[in-house]
C-alpha atoms as a PDB file:
ATOM      1  CA  MET A   1     -28.999 -47.707-135.281  1.00  0.00           C
ATOM      2  CA  THR A   2     -29.143 -48.486-132.185  1.00  0.00           C
ATOM      3  CA  HIS A   3     -25.523 -50.437-130.818  1.00  0.00           C
ATOM      4  CA  GLN A   4     -25.220 -50.855-126.996  1.00  0.00           C
ATOM      5  CA  PRO A   5     -22.611 -53.888-126.018  1.00  0.00           C
ATOM      6  CA  GLY A   6     -22.303 -54.394-122.261  1.00  0.00           C
ATOM      7  CA  PRO A   7     -19.233 -53.623-120.818  1.00  0.00           C
ATOM      8  CA  SER A   8     -18.064 -57.043-120.048  1.00  0.00           C
ATOM      9  CA  SER A   9     -15.082 -57.406-122.934  1.00  0.00           C
ATOM     10  CA  LEU A  10     -15.433 -61.113-122.772  1.00  0.00           C
ATOM     11  CA  VAL A  11     -18.927 -61.389-123.409  1.00  0.00           C
ATOM     12  CA  GLU A  12     -20.434 -58.257-125.468  1.00  0.00           C
ATOM     13  CA  VAL A  13     -24.841 -58.536-125.693  1.00  0.00           C
ATOM     14  CA  TYR A  14     -26.612 -55.583-127.554  1.00  0.00           C
ATOM     15  CA  TYR A  15     -29.668 -55.271-129.840  1.00  0.00           C
ATOM     16  CA  TRP A  16     -28.981 -54.147-132.702  1.00  0.00           C
ATOM     17  CA  THR A  17     -31.060 -52.404-135.314  1.00  0.00           C
ATOM     18  CA  THR A  18     -30.418 -50.570-138.901  1.00  0.00           C
ATOM     19  CA  GLN A  19     -33.009 -49.734-141.477  1.00  0.00           C
ATOM     20  CA  LYS A  20     -30.402 -50.782-144.000  1.00  0.00           C
ATOM     21  CA  SER A  21     -27.491 -53.362-144.273  1.00  0.00           C
ATOM     22  CA  GLU A  22     -25.009 -52.309-146.339  1.00  0.00           C
ATOM     23  CA  ALA A  23     -22.610 -55.624-148.404  1.00  0.00           C
ATOM     24  CA  HIS A  24     -19.488 -55.997-147.026  1.00  0.00           C
ATOM     25  CA  ALA A  25     -16.023 -57.591-147.899  1.00  0.00           C
ATOM     26  CA  HIS A  26     -15.262 -60.797-146.652  1.00  0.00           C
ATOM     27  CA  ASN A  27     -13.896 -60.348-142.876  1.00  0.00           C
ATOM     28  CA  THR A  28     -13.695 -62.748-139.741  1.00  0.00           C
ATOM     29  CA  HIS A  29     -13.798 -61.911-136.509  1.00  0.00           C
ATOM     30  CA  THR A  30     -11.925 -62.745-133.278  1.00  0.00           C
ATOM     31  CA  GLU A  31     -14.246 -64.286-130.383  1.00  0.00           C
ATOM     32  CA  HIS A  32     -17.065 -66.695-131.186  1.00  0.00           C
ATOM     33  CA  VAL A  33     -20.526 -64.853-131.999  1.00  0.00           C
ATOM     34  CA  ILE A  34     -24.114 -65.809-131.937  1.00  0.00           C
ATOM     35  CA  ALA A  35     -27.070 -63.886-133.580  1.00  0.00           C
ATOM     36  CA  TYR A  36     -30.576 -64.195-132.769  1.00  0.00           C
ATOM     37  CA  HIS A  37     -32.601 -62.604-135.786  1.00  0.00           C
ATOM     38  CA  VAL A  38     -35.884 -60.462-134.913  1.00  0.00           C
ATOM     39  CA  ALA A  39     -36.771 -59.110-137.334  1.00  0.00           C
ATOM     40  CA  GLY A  40     -36.022 -58.263-141.564  1.00  0.00           C
ATOM     41  CA  GLU A  41     -33.513 -60.600-143.076  1.00  0.00           C
ATOM     42  CA  LEU A  42     -30.290 -60.771-143.600  1.00  0.00           C
ATOM     43  CA  HIS A  43     -28.280 -61.855-147.032  1.00  0.00           C
ATOM     44  CA  ILE A  44     -24.817 -63.029-145.698  1.00  0.00           C
ATOM     45  CA  ASP A  45     -21.958 -65.187-147.732  1.00  0.00           C
ATOM     46  CA  HIS A  46     -21.200 -68.470-146.182  1.00  0.00           C
ATOM     47  CA  GLY A  47     -19.953 -70.826-149.261  1.00  0.00           C
ATOM     48  CA  GLN A  48     -23.544 -69.968-150.896  1.00  0.00           C
ATOM     49  CA  PRO A  49     -25.861 -66.724-150.228  1.00  0.00           C
ATOM     50  CA  LEU A  50     -27.568 -67.333-147.366  1.00  0.00           C
ATOM     51  CA  ILE A  51     -31.099 -65.201-145.361  1.00  0.00           C
ATOM     52  CA  ALA A  52     -31.274 -65.441-141.588  1.00  0.00           C
ATOM     53  CA  GLY A  53     -34.511 -64.223-141.074  1.00  0.00           C
ATOM     54  CA  PRO A  54     -37.193 -63.892-138.075  1.00  0.00           C
ATOM     55  CA  GLY A  55     -36.823 -66.746-135.693  1.00  0.00           C
ATOM     56  CA  MET A  56     -33.139 -67.696-136.718  1.00  0.00           C
ATOM     57  CA  MET A  57     -30.336 -68.022-135.009  1.00  0.00           C
ATOM     58  CA  THR A  58     -26.819 -67.750-136.245  1.00  0.00           C
ATOM     59  CA  VAL A  59     -23.660 -69.266-135.654  1.00  0.00           C
ATOM     60  CA  LEU A  60     -20.198 -68.136-136.415  1.00  0.00           C
ATOM     61  CA  PRO A  61     -17.564 -69.761-135.204  1.00  0.00           C
ATOM     62  CA  ALA A  62     -13.770 -67.089-134.465  1.00  0.00           C
ATOM     63  CA  GLY A  63     -11.985 -67.179-137.174  1.00  0.00           C
ATOM     64  CA  VAL A  64     -14.517 -68.108-140.567  1.00  0.00           C
ATOM     65  CA  PRO A  65     -14.303 -65.763-142.970  1.00  0.00           C
ATOM     66  CA  HIS A  66     -17.728 -64.343-144.445  1.00  0.00           C
ATOM     67  CA  ARG A  67     -19.833 -61.277-145.132  1.00  0.00           C
ATOM     68  CA  THR A  68     -23.104 -59.722-144.634  1.00  0.00           C
ATOM     69  CA  LEU A  69     -24.493 -59.297-148.360  1.00  0.00           C
ATOM     70  CA  GLY A  70     -27.310 -56.344-147.335  1.00  0.00           C
ATOM     71  CA  GLY A  71     -30.376 -55.887-145.883  1.00  0.00           C
ATOM     72  CA  GLU A  72     -33.289 -54.265-144.907  1.00  0.00           C
ATOM     73  CA  ASP A  73     -35.697 -53.331-141.135  1.00  0.00           C
ATOM     74  CA  ILE A  74     -32.867 -55.841-139.729  1.00  0.00           C
ATOM     75  CA  ALA A  75     -33.401 -56.600-135.225  1.00  0.00           C
ATOM     76  CA  VAL A  76     -31.350 -58.781-134.164  1.00  0.00           C
ATOM     77  CA  TRP A  77     -29.551 -59.802-130.335  1.00  0.00           C
ATOM     78  CA  LEU A  78     -26.325 -60.449-130.813  1.00  0.00           C
ATOM     79  CA  VAL A  79     -23.590 -62.244-128.572  1.00  0.00           C
ATOM     80  CA  SER A  80     -20.250 -61.799-129.035  1.00  0.00           C
ATOM     81  CA  PHE A  81     -17.342 -64.334-126.492  1.00  0.00           C
ATOM     82  CA  CYS A  82     -14.158 -65.323-125.730  1.00  0.00           C
ATOM     83  CA  ALA A  83     -13.995 -68.299-125.449  1.00  0.00           C
ATOM     84  CA  VAL A  84     -10.797 -69.571-123.905  1.00  0.00           C
ATOM     85  CA  CYS A  85     -11.731 -66.728-121.667  1.00  0.00           C
ATOM     86  CA  HIS A  86     -14.726 -68.548-120.123  1.00  0.00           C
ATOM     87  CA  GLY A  87     -12.871 -71.780-120.280  1.00  0.00           C
ATOM     88  CA  LEU A  88     -14.206 -73.926-123.640  1.00  0.00           C
ATOM     89  CA  ASP A  89     -13.060 -74.060-126.557  1.00  0.00           C
ATOM     90  CA  GLU A  90     -14.559 -76.544-129.552  1.00  0.00           C
ATOM     91  CA  THR A  91     -14.035 -80.178-128.028  1.00  0.00           C
ATOM     92  CA  HIS A  92     -16.275 -79.134-125.711  1.00  0.00           C
ATOM     93  CA  PRO A  93     -20.214 -79.950-125.799  1.00  0.00           C
ATOM     94  CA  MET A  94     -21.228 -76.859-125.018  1.00  0.00           C
ATOM     95  CA  MET A  95     -19.678 -75.566-128.120  1.00  0.00           C
ATOM     96  CA  SER A  96     -20.749 -78.828-130.685  1.00  0.00           C
ATOM     97  CA  ALA A  97     -22.665 -76.019-132.187  1.00  0.00           C
ATOM     98  CA  PHE A  98     -19.504 -74.276-133.722  1.00  0.00           C
ATOM     99  CA  ARG A  99     -17.566 -77.130-133.723  1.00  0.00           C
ATOM    100  CA  ARG A 100     -20.317 -78.042-137.218  1.00  0.00           C
ATOM    101  CA  VAL A 101     -20.335 -75.382-139.287  1.00  0.00           C
ATOM    102  CA  ARG A 102     -16.631 -75.088-138.918  1.00  0.00           C
ATOM    103  CA  SER A 103     -16.443 -78.579-140.462  1.00  0.00           C
ATOM    104  CA  GLY A 104     -19.093 -77.309-142.852  1.00  0.00           C
ATOM    105  CA  ALA A 105     -22.451 -77.363-141.476  1.00  0.00           C
ATOM    106  CA  LEU A 106     -25.309 -73.983-142.736  1.00  0.00           C
ATOM    107  CA  PRO A 107     -24.523 -71.367-139.545  1.00  0.00           C
ATOM    108  CA  VAL A 108     -28.665 -70.998-139.613  1.00  0.00           C
ATOM    109  CA  VAL A 109     -30.726 -72.406-137.914  1.00  0.00           C
ATOM    110  CA  ARG A 110     -34.654 -72.022-137.137  1.00  0.00           C
ATOM    111  CA  LEU A 111     -35.604 -72.256-133.462  1.00  0.00           C
ATOM    112  CA  ALA A 112     -38.993 -73.494-132.873  1.00  0.00           C
ATOM    113  CA  PRO A 113     -41.500 -71.391-131.614  1.00  0.00           C
ATOM    114  CA  ASP A 114     -41.006 -71.453-127.589  1.00  0.00           C
ATOM    115  CA  ARG A 115     -37.926 -71.859-127.654  1.00  0.00           C
ATOM    116  CA  GLN A 116     -37.912 -68.151-129.563  1.00  0.00           C
ATOM    117  CA  ILE A 117     -39.724 -66.643-126.357  1.00  0.00           C
ATOM    118  CA  HIS A 118     -37.267 -68.263-124.138  1.00  0.00           C
ATOM    119  CA  ILE A 119     -33.640 -67.108-126.101  1.00  0.00           C
ATOM    120  CA  THR A 120     -35.333 -64.210-125.655  1.00  0.00           C
ATOM    121  CA  ARG A 121     -35.501 -63.896-122.237  1.00  0.00           C
ATOM    122  CA  LEU A 122     -31.814 -65.731-121.911  1.00  0.00           C
ATOM    123  CA  LEU A 123     -30.508 -62.700-124.308  1.00  0.00           C
ATOM    124  CA  GLU A 124     -32.208 -59.990-122.061  1.00  0.00           C
ATOM    125  CA  ALA A 125     -30.913 -61.175-119.158  1.00  0.00           C
ATOM    126  CA  LEU A 126     -27.395 -61.621-120.249  1.00  0.00           C
ATOM    127  CA  GLN A 127     -27.862 -58.426-121.424  1.00  0.00           C
ATOM    128  CA  ASP A 128     -28.867 -56.941-117.751  1.00  0.00           C
ATOM    129  CA  GLU A 129     -25.866 -58.846-116.512  1.00  0.00           C
ATOM    130  CA  THR A 130     -23.292 -57.256-118.204  1.00  0.00           C
ATOM    131  CA  SER A 131     -23.893 -53.828-116.777  1.00  0.00           C
ATOM    132  CA  ARG A 132     -23.349 -55.227-113.419  1.00  0.00           C
ATOM    133  CA  GLN A 133     -20.434 -55.625-111.183  1.00  0.00           C
ATOM    134  CA  THR A 134     -21.495 -58.079-108.337  1.00  0.00           C
ATOM    135  CA  PRO A 135     -19.581 -60.683-107.452  1.00  0.00           C
ATOM    136  CA  GLU A 136     -21.954 -63.305-108.889  1.00  0.00           C
ATOM    137  CA  THR A 137     -21.762 -61.330-111.916  1.00  0.00           C
ATOM    138  CA  PRO A 138     -18.956 -63.807-113.899  1.00  0.00           C
ATOM    139  CA  ASP A 139     -20.980 -66.741-112.750  1.00  0.00           C
ATOM    140  CA  VAL A 140     -24.117 -65.738-113.898  1.00  0.00           C
ATOM    141  CA  ILE A 141     -22.701 -64.481-117.277  1.00  0.00           C
ATOM    142  CA  ARG A 142     -21.453 -67.347-117.805  1.00  0.00           C
ATOM    143  CA  SER A 143     -24.577 -69.609-116.678  1.00  0.00           C
ATOM    144  CA  LEU A 144     -26.574 -67.893-119.013  1.00  0.00           C
ATOM    145  CA  LEU A 145     -23.757 -68.269-121.986  1.00  0.00           C
ATOM    146  CA  THR A 146     -24.145 -71.773-121.377  1.00  0.00           C
ATOM    147  CA  LEU A 147     -27.960 -71.988-121.900  1.00  0.00           C
ATOM    148  CA  ILE A 148     -27.504 -70.062-124.886  1.00  0.00           C
ATOM    149  CA  LEU A 149     -24.919 -72.401-126.272  1.00  0.00           C
ATOM    150  CA  ALA A 150     -26.939 -75.179-125.416  1.00  0.00           C
ATOM    151  CA  GLU A 151     -29.933 -73.597-127.316  1.00  0.00           C
ATOM    152  CA  ALA A 152     -28.250 -73.341-130.214  1.00  0.00           C
ATOM    153  CA  ASN A 153     -26.573 -77.226-129.905  1.00  0.00           C
ATOM    154  CA  ARG A 154     -30.402 -78.774-129.634  1.00  0.00           C
ATOM    155  CA  ALA A 155     -31.319 -76.449-132.763  1.00  0.00           C
ATOM    156  CA  MET A 156     -28.748 -77.864-134.922  1.00  0.00           C
ATOM    157  CA  ARG A 157     -29.429 -81.572-133.810  1.00  0.00           C
ATOM    158  CA  THR A 158     -33.538 -81.291-134.339  1.00  0.00           C
ATOM    159  CA  GLY A 159     -33.288 -78.322-137.886  1.00  0.00           C
ATOM    160  CA  PRO A 160     -33.001 -79.748-141.007  1.00  0.00           C
ATOM    161  CA  ALA A 161     -30.308 -81.456-142.114  1.00  0.00           C
ATOM    162  CA  PRO A 162     -27.639 -78.671-143.739  1.00  0.00           C
ATOM    163  CA  THR A 163     -26.952 -78.877-147.772  1.00  0.00           C
ATOM    164  CA  GLY A 164     -23.619 -76.774-147.568  1.00  0.00           C
ATOM    165  CA  PRO A 165     -20.816 -80.054-147.379  1.00  0.00           C
ATOM    166  CA  GLU A 166     -21.360 -81.868-144.099  1.00  0.00           C
ATOM    167  CA  GLN A 167     -18.554 -83.539-141.741  1.00  0.00           C
ATOM    168  CA  GLY A 168     -17.586 -86.664-143.497  1.00  0.00           C
ATOM    169  CA  SER A 169     -17.192 -85.040-146.752  1.00  0.00           C
ATOM    170  CA  LEU A 170     -13.953 -83.843-148.329  1.00  0.00           C
ATOM    171  CA  VAL A 171     -14.014 -80.626-147.738  1.00  0.00           C
ATOM    172  CA  ALA A 172     -14.542 -80.944-143.897  1.00  0.00           C
ATOM    173  CA  GLU A 173     -11.872 -82.837-143.944  1.00  0.00           C
ATOM    174  CA  ALA A 174      -9.430 -80.631-145.510  1.00  0.00           C
ATOM    175  CA  LEU A 175     -11.266 -77.780-143.053  1.00  0.00           C
ATOM    176  CA  ALA A 176     -10.780 -79.987-140.155  1.00  0.00           C
ATOM    177  CA  PHE A 177      -7.298 -80.306-141.595  1.00  0.00           C
ATOM    178  CA  ILE A 178      -6.333 -77.147-141.738  1.00  0.00           C
ATOM    179  CA  GLN A 179      -8.298 -76.336-138.439  1.00  0.00           C
ATOM    180  CA  ALA A 180      -5.689 -78.551-136.677  1.00  0.00           C
ATOM    181  CA  ASN A 181      -2.553 -77.660-138.145  1.00  0.00           C
ATOM    182  CA  CYS A 182      -3.155 -73.989-139.680  1.00  0.00           C
ATOM    183  CA  LEU A 183       0.162 -72.550-137.178  1.00  0.00           C
ATOM    184  CA  SER A 184       2.213 -75.149-138.691  1.00  0.00           C
ATOM    185  CA  GLY A 185       3.346 -73.436-142.485  1.00  0.00           C
ATOM    186  CA  ILE A 186       0.841 -75.696-144.433  1.00  0.00           C
ATOM    187  CA  SER A 187       0.299 -75.205-147.885  1.00  0.00           C
ATOM    188  CA  LEU A 188      -2.686 -76.032-150.792  1.00  0.00           C
ATOM    189  CA  LYS A 189      -0.476 -79.127-151.091  1.00  0.00           C
ATOM    190  CA  ASP A 190      -0.482 -79.772-147.667  1.00  0.00           C
ATOM    191  CA  VAL A 191      -4.238 -79.805-147.323  1.00  0.00           C
ATOM    192  CA  ALA A 192      -4.409 -82.075-150.615  1.00  0.00           C
ATOM    193  CA  ALA A 193      -1.723 -84.628-149.275  1.00  0.00           C
ATOM    194  CA  ALA A 194      -3.939 -84.947-145.880  1.00  0.00           C
ATOM    195  CA  VAL A 195      -7.342 -85.528-147.452  1.00  0.00           C
ATOM    196  CA  HIS A 196      -5.128 -87.984-150.509  1.00  0.00           C
ATOM    197  CA  ARG A 197      -6.293 -85.555-153.507  1.00  0.00           C
ATOM    198  CA  ALA A 198      -5.066 -83.551-155.727  1.00  0.00           C
ATOM    199  CA  PRO A 199      -4.132 -80.064-155.118  1.00  0.00           C
ATOM    200  CA  ALA A 200      -6.075 -78.627-158.080  1.00  0.00           C
ATOM    201  CA  HIS A 201      -9.034 -80.625-156.616  1.00  0.00           C
ATOM    202  CA  VAL A 202      -8.979 -79.949-153.208  1.00  0.00           C
ATOM    203  CA  ALA A 203      -8.328 -76.148-154.058  1.00  0.00           C
ATOM    204  CA  THR A 204     -11.733 -75.977-156.618  1.00  0.00           C
ATOM    205  CA  MET A 205     -14.219 -78.104-153.825  1.00  0.00           C
ATOM    206  CA  VAL A 206     -13.149 -75.988-151.031  1.00  0.00           C
ATOM    207  CA  LYS A 207     -13.438 -73.133-153.290  1.00  0.00           C
ATOM    208  CA  LYS A 208     -17.285 -74.204-154.558  1.00  0.00           C
ATOM    209  CA  GLY A 209     -18.289 -75.628-150.935  1.00  0.00           C
ATOM    210  CA  THR A 210     -17.457 -72.972-148.727  1.00  0.00           C
ATOM    211  CA  GLY A 211     -17.131 -69.639-151.051  1.00  0.00           C
ATOM    212  CA  PHE A 212     -13.322 -69.231-149.420  1.00  0.00           C
ATOM    213  CA  THR A 213      -9.841 -69.983-150.283  1.00  0.00           C
ATOM    214  CA  VAL A 214      -7.875 -72.813-149.555  1.00  0.00           C
ATOM    215  CA  GLY A 215      -5.191 -69.920-148.342  1.00  0.00           C
ATOM    216  CA  GLU A 216      -8.357 -67.492-146.977  1.00  0.00           C
ATOM    217  CA  TRP A 217      -9.272 -70.424-144.570  1.00  0.00           C
ATOM    218  CA  ILE A 218      -5.406 -71.086-143.486  1.00  0.00           C
ATOM    219  CA  ASN A 219      -4.539 -67.149-143.013  1.00  0.00           C
ATOM    220  CA  ALA A 220      -8.208 -66.784-140.816  1.00  0.00           C
ATOM    221  CA  GLY A 221      -7.168 -70.045-138.532  1.00  0.00           C
ATOM    222  CA  ARG A 222      -3.405 -67.891-137.931  1.00  0.00           C
ATOM    223  CA  LEU A 223      -5.438 -64.709-137.234  1.00  0.00           C
ATOM    224  CA  SER A 224      -7.572 -66.326-135.233  1.00  0.00           C
ATOM    225  CA  GLU A 225      -4.625 -67.504-132.756  1.00  0.00           C
ATOM    226  CA  ALA A 226      -2.571 -64.634-132.874  1.00  0.00           C
ATOM    227  CA  ALA A 227      -5.718 -62.420-131.896  1.00  0.00           C
ATOM    228  CA  ALA A 228      -5.880 -65.105-128.906  1.00  0.00           C
ATOM    229  CA  ARG A 229      -2.485 -64.324-127.961  1.00  0.00           C
ATOM    230  CA  LEU A 230      -2.561 -61.116-128.156  1.00  0.00           C
ATOM    231  CA  LEU A 231      -5.365 -60.751-125.616  1.00  0.00           C
ATOM    232  CA  HIS A 232      -4.149 -63.828-122.742  1.00  0.00           C
ATOM    233  CA  THR A 233      -0.024 -63.464-123.508  1.00  0.00           C
ATOM    234  CA  ASP A 234       2.258 -60.350-123.739  1.00  0.00           C
ATOM    235  CA  ASP A 235       4.342 -61.941-126.086  1.00  0.00           C
ATOM    236  CA  SER A 236       5.623 -59.479-128.643  1.00  0.00           C
ATOM    237  CA  MET A 237       4.302 -59.163-132.671  1.00  0.00           C
ATOM    238  CA  GLU A 238       7.478 -60.706-133.559  1.00  0.00           C
ATOM    239  CA  THR A 239       7.184 -63.775-131.235  1.00  0.00           C
ATOM    240  CA  ILE A 240       3.240 -64.093-132.554  1.00  0.00           C
ATOM    241  CA  ALA A 241       4.091 -64.134-135.830  1.00  0.00           C
ATOM    242  CA  GLU A 242       6.695 -66.502-135.440  1.00  0.00           C
ATOM    243  CA  HIS A 243       4.373 -68.330-133.509  1.00  0.00           C
ATOM    244  CA  ILE A 244       1.223 -68.580-136.224  1.00  0.00           C
ATOM    245  CA  GLY A 245       3.738 -70.347-138.731  1.00  0.00           C
ATOM    246  CA  GLY A 246       6.495 -68.190-139.258  1.00  0.00           C
ATOM    247  CA  GLN A 247       5.660 -65.085-140.538  1.00  0.00           C
ATOM    248  CA  ASP A 248       7.827 -61.923-141.133  1.00  0.00           C
ATOM    249  CA  VAL A 249       6.482 -59.466-138.460  1.00  0.00           C
ATOM    250  CA  THR A 250       5.138 -56.595-141.265  1.00  0.00           C
ATOM    251  CA  HIS A 251       3.709 -59.783-142.969  1.00  0.00           C
ATOM    252  CA  PHE A 252       1.586 -60.515-139.962  1.00  0.00           C
ATOM    253  CA  ILE A 253       0.630 -56.684-139.087  1.00  0.00           C
ATOM    254  CA  ARG A 254      -0.934 -56.169-142.624  1.00  0.00           C
ATOM    255  CA  GLN A 255      -2.689 -58.890-142.644  1.00  0.00           C
ATOM    256  CA  PHE A 256      -4.401 -58.412-139.606  1.00  0.00           C
ATOM    257  CA  ARG A 257      -5.068 -54.581-140.228  1.00  0.00           C
ATOM    258  CA  LYS A 258      -6.636 -56.200-143.390  1.00  0.00           C
ATOM    259  CA  ALA A 259      -8.503 -58.462-141.674  1.00  0.00           C
ATOM    260  CA  HIS A 260      -9.726 -56.361-138.419  1.00  0.00           C
ATOM    261  CA  GLY A 261      -9.169 -52.680-139.685  1.00  0.00           C
ATOM    262  CA  ILE A 262      -6.511 -51.834-136.824  1.00  0.00           C
ATOM    263  CA  THR A 263      -3.112 -53.000-136.413  1.00  0.00           C
ATOM    264  CA  PRO A 264      -2.786 -55.997-133.636  1.00  0.00           C
ATOM    265  CA  ALA A 265      -0.707 -53.560-131.052  1.00  0.00           C
ATOM    266  CA  ALA A 266      -4.017 -51.253-131.816  1.00  0.00           C
ATOM    267  CA  TRP A 267      -6.209 -54.084-131.029  1.00  0.00           C
ATOM    268  CA  ARG A 268      -3.899 -55.432-128.101  1.00  0.00           C
ATOM    269  CA  ALA A 269      -4.466 -52.270-126.181  1.00  0.00           C
ATOM    270  CA  GLU A 270      -7.608 -51.133-126.823  1.00  0.00           C
ATOM    271  CA  ARG A 271      -9.153 -54.858-125.875  1.00  0.00           C
ATOM    272  CA  ARG A 272      -6.631 -54.321-122.283  1.00  0.00           C
ATOM    273  CA  ARG A 273      -8.025 -50.752-122.132  1.00  0.00           C
ATOM    274  CA  MET A 274     -11.688 -52.533-121.884  1.00  0.00           C
ATOM    275  CA  HIS A 275     -10.141 -55.001-119.237  1.00  0.00           C
ATOM    276  CA  LEU A 276      -8.850 -52.112-117.163  1.00  0.00           C
ATOM    277  CA  ASP A 277     -12.385 -49.640-117.445  1.00  0.00           C
ATOM    278  CA  ASN A 278     -14.207 -52.949-116.537  1.00  0.00           C
ATOM    279  CA  PRO A 279     -12.202 -54.559-114.023  1.00  0.00           C
ATOM    280  CA  LYS A 280     -13.641 -58.163-112.630  1.00  0.00           C
ATOM    281  CA  PRO A 281     -15.353 -57.509-109.377  1.00  0.00           C
END
């Protein structure tokens, strides 16, 4: 297996290959991720089993639960980036693909043949640029990232209509409410009240439509915000735990470690060490 991340802590791009990908438990990640699949078939659980094959792109917003079911002879380009670091959030037009997925659209879309060649060249250029340290590097990286985001947006608009829950549905409304309010100590009861349905019905529909419970979605949103604060502030663990819903700090640390395999303090130290090792030019 090859894994060759670039040195930038704000954008990582690498070409990943493996003969066999094993199944993994449900997880989330702190960055937004785009994957372009070159070879093999990667099986993904995103509320329902999906297959990402050659010529397809996968769009995964930060904090969205998902898991790998397995695959063989995989070759894929992976780009992960800190949206906030680049002045982007999911209200930005260039982030519409992520916004659609968070609202219920399926995360896998096929690119047209001519766009497959184009996206490969963009990814190669981005990988090359992340290895440079010149005055132009930050602007070039953001420009290339913008072009890649544009390809994801266009593919989602022109591709087949997703079969999962779409915007305007009960599930999408529930997910939108969770995204906007997950830091305020909400529960299933609050989500149900927001969409004017019984809690049991909302719980069933969200689990059926996405594969994850309302509680898992709330927790994923909170941990995504916690990661952003770990990266961009000097807030204490106690302050962050309070900010993401008044959690007990011990519970926060336990939940973060369960999701990311590392304590929040160690995660912060690791990311800051990356910044020191690879300072901006």
